[in-house]
C-alpha atoms as a PDB file:
ATOM      1  CA  UNK A   1     219.714  47.965  57.232  1.00  0.00           C
ATOM      2  CA  UNK A   2     217.805  49.587  54.491  1.00  0.00           C
ATOM      3  CA  UNK A   3     215.109  51.530  56.832  1.00  0.00           C
ATOM      4  CA  UNK A   4     213.416  51.510  59.733  1.00  0.00           C
ATOM      5  CA  UNK A   5     210.076  52.521  61.780  1.00  0.00           C
ATOM      6  CA  UNK A   6     208.619  52.103  64.988  1.00  0.00           C
ATOM      7  CA  UNK A   7     204.755  50.519  64.024  1.00  0.00           C
ATOM      8  CA  UNK A   8     202.466  52.185  67.881  1.00  0.00           C
ATOM      9  CA  UNK A   9     199.496  50.287  66.614  1.00  0.00           C
ATOM     10  CA  UNK A  10     199.950  47.411  65.408  1.00  0.00           C
ATOM     11  CA  UNK A  11     197.530  43.906  64.730  1.00  0.00           C
ATOM     12  CA  UNK A  12     195.407  42.522  67.871  1.00  0.00           C
ATOM     13  CA  UNK A  13     198.114  39.440  68.205  1.00  0.00           C
ATOM     14  CA  UNK A  14     201.069  41.785  68.918  1.00  0.00           C
ATOM     15  CA  UNK A  15     199.258  44.744  70.754  1.00  0.00           C
ATOM     16  CA  UNK A  16     201.582  44.050  73.861  1.00  0.00           C
ATOM     17  CA  UNK A  17     204.840  44.002  72.341  1.00  0.00           C
ATOM     18  CA  UNK A  18     203.823  47.125  71.271  1.00  0.00           C
ATOM     19  CA  UNK A  19     205.816  49.694  71.038  1.00  0.00           C
ATOM     20  CA  UNK A  20     207.729  47.381  68.431  1.00  0.00           C
ATOM     21  CA  UNK A  21     210.653  48.506  65.909  1.00  0.00           C
ATOM     22  CA  UNK A  22     210.078  47.100  62.103  1.00  0.00           C
ATOM     23  CA  UNK A  23     213.057  47.062  59.261  1.00  0.00           C
ATOM     24  CA  UNK A  24     213.778  47.213  55.764  1.00  0.00           C
ATOM     25  CA  UNK A  25     217.387  45.070  54.951  1.00  0.00           C
ATOM     26  CA  UNK A  26     219.238  44.599  52.598  1.00  0.00           C
ATOM     27  CA  UNK A  27     220.573  40.731  52.731  1.00  0.00           C
ATOM     28  CA  UNK A  28     224.467  39.954  51.127  1.00  0.00           C
ATOM     29  CA  UNK A  29     222.187  38.187  48.096  1.00  0.00           C
ATOM     30  CA  UNK A  30     221.350  40.852  46.983  1.00  0.00           C
ATOM     31  CA  UNK A  31     217.189  41.007  48.587  1.00  0.00           C
ATOM     32  CA  UNK A  32     215.831  43.250  50.626  1.00  0.00           C
ATOM     33  CA  UNK A  33     213.488  41.998  53.061  1.00  0.00           C
ATOM     34  CA  UNK A  34     210.644  43.860  55.532  1.00  0.00           C
ATOM     35  CA  UNK A  35     210.677  42.356  59.568  1.00  0.00           C
ATOM     36  CA  UNK A  36     210.699  43.472  62.983  1.00  0.00           C
ATOM     37  CA  UNK A  37     213.894  44.115  64.675  1.00  0.00           C
ATOM     38  CA  UNK A  38     214.051  42.596  68.159  1.00  0.00           C
ATOM     39  CA  UNK A  39     216.307  44.595  69.907  1.00  0.00           C
ATOM     40  CA  UNK A  40     215.436  47.430  72.152  1.00  0.00           C
ATOM     41  CA  UNK A  41     218.271  50.242  71.287  1.00  0.00           C
ATOM     42  CA  UNK A  42     217.759  52.624  68.489  1.00  0.00           C
ATOM     43  CA  UNK A  43     218.610  51.672  65.541  1.00  0.00           C
ATOM     44  CA  UNK A  44     221.168  53.180  62.505  1.00  0.00           C
ATOM     45  CA  UNK A  45     220.575  53.083  58.944  1.00  0.00           C
ATOM     46  CA  UNK A  46     223.642  50.731  57.413  1.00  0.00           C
ATOM     47  CA  UNK A  47     223.540  48.230  60.928  1.00  0.00           C
ATOM     48  CA  UNK A  48     224.425  45.451  60.057  1.00  0.00           C
ATOM     49  CA  UNK A  49     221.586  42.679  61.221  1.00  0.00           C
ATOM     50  CA  UNK A  50     221.573  38.969  61.838  1.00  0.00           C
ATOM     51  CA  UNK A  51     218.054  36.806  61.110  1.00  0.00           C
ATOM     52  CA  UNK A  52     216.512  34.491  63.670  1.00  0.00           C
ATOM     53  CA  UNK A  53     213.183  32.594  64.402  1.00  0.00           C
ATOM     54  CA  UNK A  54     211.451  33.491  67.376  1.00  0.00           C
ATOM     55  CA  UNK A  55     208.875  30.429  67.487  1.00  0.00           C
ATOM     56  CA  UNK A  56     204.910  31.089  68.459  1.00  0.00           C
ATOM     57  CA  UNK A  57     202.821  28.564  69.869  1.00  0.00           C
ATOM     58  CA  UNK A  58     200.889  28.825  66.266  1.00  0.00           C
ATOM     59  CA  UNK A  59     203.576  29.786  63.687  1.00  0.00           C
ATOM     60  CA  UNK A  60     207.308  30.460  63.497  1.00  0.00           C
ATOM     61  CA  UNK A  61     208.796  34.000  61.918  1.00  0.00           C
ATOM     62  CA  UNK A  62     211.647  35.442  61.170  1.00  0.00           C
ATOM     63  CA  UNK A  63     213.181  38.812  62.370  1.00  0.00           C
ATOM     64  CA  UNK A  64     216.080  40.412  62.711  1.00  0.00           C
ATOM     65  CA  UNK A  65     218.119  41.309  65.424  1.00  0.00           C
ATOM     66  CA  UNK A  66     221.031  44.033  65.361  1.00  0.00           C
ATOM     67  CA  UNK A  67     224.779  42.093  65.463  1.00  0.00           C
ATOM     68  CA  UNK A  68     226.691  40.966  68.865  1.00  0.00           C
ATOM     69  CA  UNK A  69     223.084  41.280  70.321  1.00  0.00           C
ATOM     70  CA  UNK A  70     222.551  37.388  71.803  1.00  0.00           C
ATOM     71  CA  UNK A  71     227.109  38.539  72.981  1.00  0.00           C
ATOM     72  CA  UNK A  72     225.377  41.561  74.778  1.00  0.00           C
ATOM     73  CA  UNK A  73     222.310  40.004  76.788  1.00  0.00           C
ATOM     74  CA  UNK A  74     224.544  37.025  78.190  1.00  0.00           C
END
């Protein structure tokens, strides 16, 4: 993870999910992408993340979560 920020006022469609975290991630392949971070814990710059897809009724979006987060939720 290159950087992150907490969003307190966002688009109406995500209003019920506020506040949420957005992050910028440097992929191993050399690309830098921005998206939401799904984890509720405070992230750290430099943390490894995994790309996950979230299905809404009208779209599928990609988000990131901290590595190991799924193992901790099980």
